[in-house]
Structure formats: C-alpha cells, structure tokens
C-alpha cells in the first residue's frame, strides 16, 4: 500500500473521531479505545510506508549503497 493511501485512511479515521465526538459516541469507551488503537496502528503503517518510499526513491536516484 502506498503512503498516500495509508494517509487517506488516517485522515478518514481522524474524521470519524471528530464525528464520534460531535454525536456523543466519545462517551462509549470501548468504541473510542478501538478507534484510537486503529488510529495508532494506521499512523505507524503510514510512517513505515513513507520511510520505505523515501528509501526506494533515494535508491533510484543515488543507486545502491556499497561498502
């Protein structure tokens, strides 16, 4: 999955959190805990995807590391 796709998912989860707050679902601790866990997992996936894409771009530009 590309970093842009993971970022889009992260943004949707952030919107869900806002909507949960606005609709009163933020009082449902289990729901919010699951949502926060999914946000954390998606944030980690985004970071991993972004770092991987940067490394692949660097490798294409500079060539493989030697030594």
PDB file of N, CA and C in Angstrom:
ATOM      1  N   UNK A   1       0.849  -1.180   0.000  1.00  0.00           N
ATOM      2  CA  UNK A   1       0.000   0.000   0.000  1.00  0.00           C
ATOM      3  C   UNK A   1       0.894   1.242   0.000  1.00  0.00           C
ATOM      4  N   UNK A   2       0.533   2.205  -0.809  1.00  0.00           N
ATOM      5  CA  UNK A   2       1.302   3.442  -0.879  1.00  0.00           C
ATOM      6  C   UNK A   2       1.036   4.320   0.340  1.00  0.00           C
ATOM      7  N   UNK A   3       2.023   5.160   0.656  1.00  0.00           N
ATOM      8  CA  UNK A   3       1.884   6.060   1.802  1.00  0.00           C
ATOM      9  C   UNK A   3       0.670   6.968   1.627  1.00  0.00           C
ATOM     10  N   UNK A   4       0.406   7.405   0.406  1.00  0.00           N
ATOM     11  CA  UNK A   4      -0.749   8.280   0.174  1.00  0.00           C
ATOM     12  C   UNK A   4      -2.067   7.576   0.507  1.00  0.00           C
ATOM     13  N   UNK A   5      -2.148   6.280   0.241  1.00  0.00           N
ATOM     14  CA  UNK A   5      -3.359   5.521   0.566  1.00  0.00           C
ATOM     15  C   UNK A   5      -3.521   5.369   2.077  1.00  0.00           C
ATOM     16  N   UNK A   6      -2.418   5.106   2.752  1.00  0.00           N
ATOM     17  CA  UNK A   6      -2.463   4.958   4.208  1.00  0.00           C
ATOM     18  C   UNK A   6      -2.808   6.304   4.847  1.00  0.00           C
ATOM     19  N   UNK A   7      -2.249   7.379   4.290  1.00  0.00           N
ATOM     20  CA  UNK A   7      -2.545   8.719   4.804  1.00  0.00           C
ATOM     21  C   UNK A   7      -4.029   9.029   4.656  1.00  0.00           C
ATOM     22  N   UNK A   8      -4.601   8.650   3.525  1.00  0.00           N
ATOM     23  CA  UNK A   8      -6.033   8.878   3.307  1.00  0.00           C
ATOM     24  C   UNK A   8      -6.852   8.126   4.370  1.00  0.00           C
ATOM     25  N   UNK A   9      -6.469   6.900   4.670  1.00  0.00           N
ATOM     26  CA  UNK A   9      -7.150   6.118   5.705  1.00  0.00           C
ATOM     27  C   UNK A   9      -7.021   6.807   7.066  1.00  0.00           C
ATOM     28  N   UNK A  10      -5.836   7.334   7.348  1.00  0.00           N
ATOM     29  CA  UNK A  10      -5.603   8.041   8.606  1.00  0.00           C
ATOM     30  C   UNK A  10      -6.490   9.280   8.701  1.00  0.00           C
ATOM     31  N   UNK A  11      -6.636   9.993   7.608  1.00  0.00           N
ATOM     32  CA  UNK A  11      -7.492  11.176   7.604  1.00  0.00           C
ATOM     33  C   UNK A  11      -8.964  10.800   7.828  1.00  0.00           C
ATOM     34  N   UNK A  12      -9.396   9.690   7.227  1.00  0.00           N
ATOM     35  CA  UNK A  12     -10.771   9.226   7.435  1.00  0.00           C
ATOM     36  C   UNK A  12     -11.017   8.848   8.899  1.00  0.00           C
ATOM     37  N   UNK A  13     -10.023   8.223   9.513  1.00  0.00           N
ATOM     38  CA  UNK A  13     -10.155   7.868  10.928  1.00  0.00           C
ATOM     39  C   UNK A  13     -10.215   9.118  11.802  1.00  0.00           C
ATOM     40  N   UNK A  14      -9.452  10.140  11.449  1.00  0.00           N
ATOM     41  CA  UNK A  14      -9.498  11.404  12.197  1.00  0.00           C
ATOM     42  C   UNK A  14     -10.879  12.044  12.060  1.00  0.00           C
ATOM     43  N   UNK A  15     -11.454  11.976  10.866  1.00  0.00           N
ATOM     44  CA  UNK A  15     -12.810  12.488  10.660  1.00  0.00           C
ATOM     45  C   UNK A  15     -13.815  11.693  11.490  1.00  0.00           C
ATOM     46  N   UNK A  16     -13.628  10.387  11.550  1.00  0.00           N
ATOM     47  CA  UNK A  16     -14.519   9.547  12.349  1.00  0.00           C
ATOM     48  C   UNK A  16     -14.447   9.937  13.815  1.00  0.00           C
ATOM     49  N   UNK A  17     -13.239  10.250  14.289  1.00  0.00           N
ATOM     50  CA  UNK A  17     -13.083  10.658  15.692  1.00  0.00           C
ATOM     51  C   UNK A  17     -13.839  11.959  15.960  1.00  0.00           C
ATOM     52  N   UNK A  18     -13.752  12.915  15.039  1.00  0.00           N
ATOM     53  CA  UNK A  18     -14.477  14.182  15.196  1.00  0.00           C
ATOM     54  C   UNK A  18     -15.985  13.933  15.204  1.00  0.00           C
ATOM     55  N   UNK A  19     -16.449  13.113  14.271  1.00  0.00           N
ATOM     56  CA  UNK A  19     -17.878  12.801  14.206  1.00  0.00           C
ATOM     57  C   UNK A  19     -18.345  12.073  15.464  1.00  0.00           C
ATOM     58  N   UNK A  20     -17.515  11.203  15.996  1.00  0.00           N
ATOM     59  CA  UNK A  20     -17.859  10.496  17.232  1.00  0.00           C
ATOM     60  C   UNK A  20     -18.028  11.483  18.372  1.00  0.00           C
ATOM     61  N   UNK A  21     -17.143  12.458  18.431  1.00  0.00           N
ATOM     62  CA  UNK A  21     -17.231  13.480  19.479  1.00  0.00           C
ATOM     63  C   UNK A  21     -18.506  14.313  19.307  1.00  0.00           C
ATOM     64  N   UNK A  22     -18.772  14.716  18.070  1.00  0.00           N
ATOM     65  CA  UNK A  22     -19.937  15.565  17.808  1.00  0.00           C
ATOM     66  C   UNK A  22     -21.259  14.837  18.069  1.00  0.00           C
ATOM     67  N   UNK A  23     -21.271  13.532  17.878  1.00  0.00           N
ATOM     68  CA  UNK A  23     -22.512  12.772  18.041  1.00  0.00           C
ATOM     69  C   UNK A  23     -22.660  12.140  19.422  1.00  0.00           C
ATOM     70  N   UNK A  24     -21.671  12.344  20.295  1.00  0.00           N
ATOM     71  CA  UNK A  24     -21.749  11.804  21.643  1.00  0.00           C
ATOM     72  C   UNK A  24     -21.202  10.397  21.795  1.00  0.00           C
ATOM     73  N   UNK A  25     -20.699   9.828  20.714  1.00  0.00           N
ATOM     74  CA  UNK A  25     -20.129   8.477  20.805  1.00  0.00           C
ATOM     75  C   UNK A  25     -18.815   8.445  21.586  1.00  0.00           C
ATOM     76  N   UNK A  26     -18.247   9.608  21.825  1.00  0.00           N
ATOM     77  CA  UNK A  26     -16.993   9.636  22.576  1.00  0.00           C
ATOM     78  C   UNK A  26     -17.181   9.183  24.022  1.00  0.00           C
ATOM     79  N   UNK A  27     -18.427   9.041  24.451  1.00  0.00           N
ATOM     80  CA  UNK A  27     -18.697   8.517  25.794  1.00  0.00           C
ATOM     81  C   UNK A  27     -18.654   6.994  25.834  1.00  0.00           C
ATOM     82  N   UNK A  28     -18.645   6.374  24.666  1.00  0.00           N
ATOM     83  CA  UNK A  28     -18.543   4.911  24.572  1.00  0.00           C
ATOM     84  C   UNK A  28     -17.052   4.541  24.603  1.00  0.00           C
ATOM     85  N   UNK A  29     -16.598   4.156  25.777  1.00  0.00           N
ATOM     86  CA  UNK A  29     -15.157   3.919  25.973  1.00  0.00           C
ATOM     87  C   UNK A  29     -14.600   2.813  25.088  1.00  0.00           C
ATOM     88  N   UNK A  30     -15.345   1.744  24.908  1.00  0.00           N
ATOM     89  CA  UNK A  30     -14.859   0.632  24.082  1.00  0.00           C
ATOM     90  C   UNK A  30     -14.708   1.067  22.632  1.00  0.00           C
ATOM     91  N   UNK A  31     -15.699   1.786  22.125  1.00  0.00           N
ATOM     92  CA  UNK A  31     -15.641   2.273  20.747  1.00  0.00           C
ATOM     93  C   UNK A  31     -14.445   3.205  20.562  1.00  0.00           C
ATOM     94  N   UNK A  32     -14.290   4.142  21.480  1.00  0.00           N
ATOM     95  CA  UNK A  32     -13.199   5.109  21.354  1.00  0.00           C
ATOM     96  C   UNK A  32     -11.838   4.441  21.506  1.00  0.00           C
ATOM     97  N   UNK A  33     -11.745   3.446  22.386  1.00  0.00           N
ATOM     98  CA  UNK A  33     -10.477   2.727  22.541  1.00  0.00           C
ATOM     99  C   UNK A  33     -10.121   1.997  21.256  1.00  0.00           C
ATOM    100  N   UNK A  34     -11.116   1.352  20.643  1.00  0.00           N
ATOM    101  CA  UNK A  34     -10.866   0.676  19.366  1.00  0.00           C
ATOM    102  C   UNK A  34     -10.462   1.675  18.286  1.00  0.00           C
ATOM    103  N   UNK A  35     -11.149   2.798  18.242  1.00  0.00           N
ATOM    104  CA  UNK A  35     -10.830   3.828  17.246  1.00  0.00           C
ATOM    105  C   UNK A  35      -9.424   4.373  17.460  1.00  0.00           C
ATOM    106  N   UNK A  36      -9.062   4.666  18.691  1.00  0.00           N
ATOM    107  CA  UNK A  36      -7.718   5.180  18.985  1.00  0.00           C
ATOM    108  C   UNK A  36      -6.651   4.146  18.645  1.00  0.00           C
ATOM    109  N   UNK A  37      -6.929   2.867  18.916  1.00  0.00           N
ATOM    110  CA  UNK A  37      -5.979   1.808  18.547  1.00  0.00           C
ATOM    111  C   UNK A  37      -5.791   1.750  17.037  1.00  0.00           C
ATOM    112  N   UNK A  38      -6.898   1.852  16.303  1.00  0.00           N
ATOM    113  CA  UNK A  38      -6.802   1.806  14.846  1.00  0.00           C
ATOM    114  C   UNK A  38      -6.056   3.024  14.307  1.00  0.00           C
ATOM    115  N   UNK A  39      -6.273   4.173  14.910  1.00  0.00           N
ATOM    116  CA  UNK A  39      -5.544   5.376  14.500  1.00  0.00           C
ATOM    117  C   UNK A  39      -4.054   5.188  14.746  1.00  0.00           C
ATOM    118  N   UNK A  40      -3.682   4.660  15.904  1.00  0.00           N
ATOM    119  CA  UNK A  40      -2.268   4.435  16.222  1.00  0.00           C
ATOM    120  C   UNK A  40      -1.633   3.439  15.254  1.00  0.00           C
ATOM    121  N   UNK A  41      -2.336   2.352  14.975  1.00  0.00           N
ATOM    122  CA  UNK A  41      -1.807   1.351  14.044  1.00  0.00           C
ATOM    123  C   UNK A  41      -1.649   1.932  12.637  1.00  0.00           C
ATOM    124  N   UNK A  42      -2.623   2.719  12.219  1.00  0.00           N
ATOM    125  CA  UNK A  42      -2.564   3.322  10.889  1.00  0.00           C
ATOM    126  C   UNK A  42      -1.458   4.369  10.823  1.00  0.00           C
ATOM    127  N   UNK A  43      -1.254   5.107  11.906  1.00  0.00           N
ATOM    128  CA  UNK A  43      -0.169   6.090  11.946  1.00  0.00           C
ATOM    129  C   UNK A  43       1.194   5.398  11.804  1.00  0.00           C
ATOM    130  N   UNK A  44       1.355   4.260  12.469  1.00  0.00           N
ATOM    131  CA  UNK A  44       2.605   3.503  12.350  1.00  0.00           C
ATOM    132  C   UNK A  44       2.778   2.957  10.932  1.00  0.00           C
ATOM    133  N   UNK A  45       1.693   2.489  10.336  1.00  0.00           N
ATOM    134  CA  UNK A  45       1.748   1.987   8.958  1.00  0.00           C
ATOM    135  C   UNK A  45       2.105   3.111   7.997  1.00  0.00           C
ATOM    136  N   UNK A  46       1.568   4.291   8.233  1.00  0.00           N
ATOM    137  CA  UNK A  46       1.874   5.453   7.391  1.00  0.00           C
ATOM    138  C   UNK A  46       3.358   5.802   7.490  1.00  0.00           C
ATOM    139  N   UNK A  47       3.868   5.826   8.684  1.00  0.00           N
ATOM    140  CA  UNK A  47       5.288   6.129   8.874  1.00  0.00           C
ATOM    141  C   UNK A  47       6.154   5.100   8.152  1.00  0.00           C
ATOM    142  N   UNK A  48       5.841   3.830   8.302  1.00  0.00           N
ATOM    143  CA  UNK A  48       6.604   2.782   7.638  1.00  0.00           C
ATOM    144  C   UNK A  48       6.537   2.896   6.126  1.00  0.00           C
ATOM    145  N   UNK A  49       5.349   3.160   5.599  1.00  0.00           N
ATOM    146  CA  UNK A  49       5.186   3.292   4.150  1.00  0.00           C
ATOM    147  C   UNK A  49       5.949   4.505   3.629  1.00  0.00           C
ATOM    148  N   UNK A  50       5.890   5.615   4.352  1.00  0.00           N
ATOM    149  CA  UNK A  50       6.589   6.825   3.915  1.00  0.00           C
ATOM    150  C   UNK A  50       8.100   6.630   3.927  1.00  0.00           C
ATOM    151  N   UNK A  51       8.623   6.034   4.980  1.00  0.00           N
ATOM    152  CA  UNK A  51      10.070   5.796   5.059  1.00  0.00           C
ATOM    153  C   UNK A  51      10.507   4.851   3.943  1.00  0.00           C
ATOM    154  N   UNK A  52       9.722   3.826   3.672  1.00  0.00           N
ATOM    155  CA  UNK A  52      10.048   2.880   2.604  1.00  0.00           C
ATOM    156  C   UNK A  52      10.059   3.580   1.248  1.00  0.00           C
ATOM    157  N   UNK A  53       9.056   4.425   0.997  1.00  0.00           N
ATOM    158  CA  UNK A  53       9.010   5.142  -0.279  1.00  0.00           C
ATOM    159  C   UNK A  53      10.193   6.090  -0.427  1.00  0.00           C
ATOM    160  N   UNK A  54      10.567   6.761   0.641  1.00  0.00           N
ATOM    161  CA  UNK A  54      11.722   7.661   0.600  1.00  0.00           C
ATOM    162  C   UNK A  54      12.987   6.869   0.309  1.00  0.00           C
ATOM    163  N   UNK A  55      13.157   5.729   0.970  1.00  0.00           N
ATOM    164  CA  UNK A  55      14.354   4.904   0.751  1.00  0.00           C
ATOM    165  C   UNK A  55      14.403   4.384  -0.682  1.00  0.00           C
ATOM    166  N   UNK A  56      13.253   3.986  -1.219  1.00  0.00           N
ATOM    167  CA  UNK A  56      13.233   3.490  -2.594  1.00  0.00           C
ATOM    168  C   UNK A  56      13.552   4.609  -3.588  1.00  0.00           C
ATOM    169  N   UNK A  57      13.043   5.789  -3.334  1.00  0.00           N
ATOM    170  CA  UNK A  57      13.348   6.927  -4.198  1.00  0.00           C
ATOM    171  C   UNK A  57      14.833   7.265  -4.128  1.00  0.00           C
ATOM    172  N   UNK A  58      15.386   7.274  -2.917  1.00  0.00           N
ATOM    173  CA  UNK A  58      16.808   7.559  -2.761  1.00  0.00           C
ATOM    174  C   UNK A  58      17.647   6.533  -3.508  1.00  0.00           C
ATOM    175  N   UNK A  59      17.258   5.283  -3.454  1.00  0.00           N
ATOM    176  CA  UNK A  59      17.989   4.220  -4.138  1.00  0.00           C
ATOM    177  C   UNK A  59      17.914   4.400  -5.653  1.00  0.00           C
ATOM    178  N   UNK A  60      16.775   4.815  -6.170  1.00  0.00           N
ATOM    179  CA  UNK A  60      16.647   5.049  -7.607  1.00  0.00           C
ATOM    180  C   UNK A  60      17.496   6.225  -8.058  1.00  0.00           C
ATOM    181  N   UNK A  61      17.580   7.240  -7.222  1.00  0.00           N
ATOM    182  CA  UNK A  61      18.335   8.449  -7.584  1.00  0.00           C
ATOM    183  C   UNK A  61      19.840   8.215  -7.446  1.00  0.00           C
ATOM    184  N   UNK A  62      20.262   7.664  -6.302  1.00  0.00           N
ATOM    185  CA  UNK A  62      21.688   7.530  -5.991  1.00  0.00           C
ATOM    186  C   UNK A  62      22.267   6.178  -6.321  1.00  0.00           C
ATOM    187  N   UNK A  63      21.461   5.186  -6.555  1.00  0.00           N
ATOM    188  CA  UNK A  63      21.973   3.843  -6.787  1.00  0.00           C
ATOM    189  C   UNK A  63      22.127   3.111  -5.474  1.00  0.00           C
ATOM    190  N   UNK A  64      22.451   1.825  -5.544  1.00  0.00           N
ATOM    191  CA  UNK A  64      22.581   1.026  -4.321  1.00  0.00           C
ATOM    192  C   UNK A  64      23.775   1.460  -3.487  1.00  0.00           C
ATOM    193  N   UNK A  65      23.644   1.290  -2.165  1.00  0.00           N
ATOM    194  CA  UNK A  65      24.767   1.572  -1.272  1.00  0.00           C
ATOM    195  C   UNK A  65      25.828   0.497  -1.426  1.00  0.00           C
ATOM    196  N   UNK A  66      27.068   0.892  -1.311  1.00  0.00           N
ATOM    197  CA  UNK A  66      28.173  -0.070  -1.404  1.00  0.00           C
ATOM    198  C   UNK A  66      29.083   0.128  -0.219  1.00  0.00           C
ATOM    199  N   UNK A  67      29.614  -0.987   0.258  1.00  0.00           N
ATOM    200  CA  UNK A  67      30.600  -0.879   1.313  1.00  0.00           C
ATOM    201  C   UNK A  67      30.114  -1.321   2.577  1.00  0.00           C
TER     202      UNK A  67
END
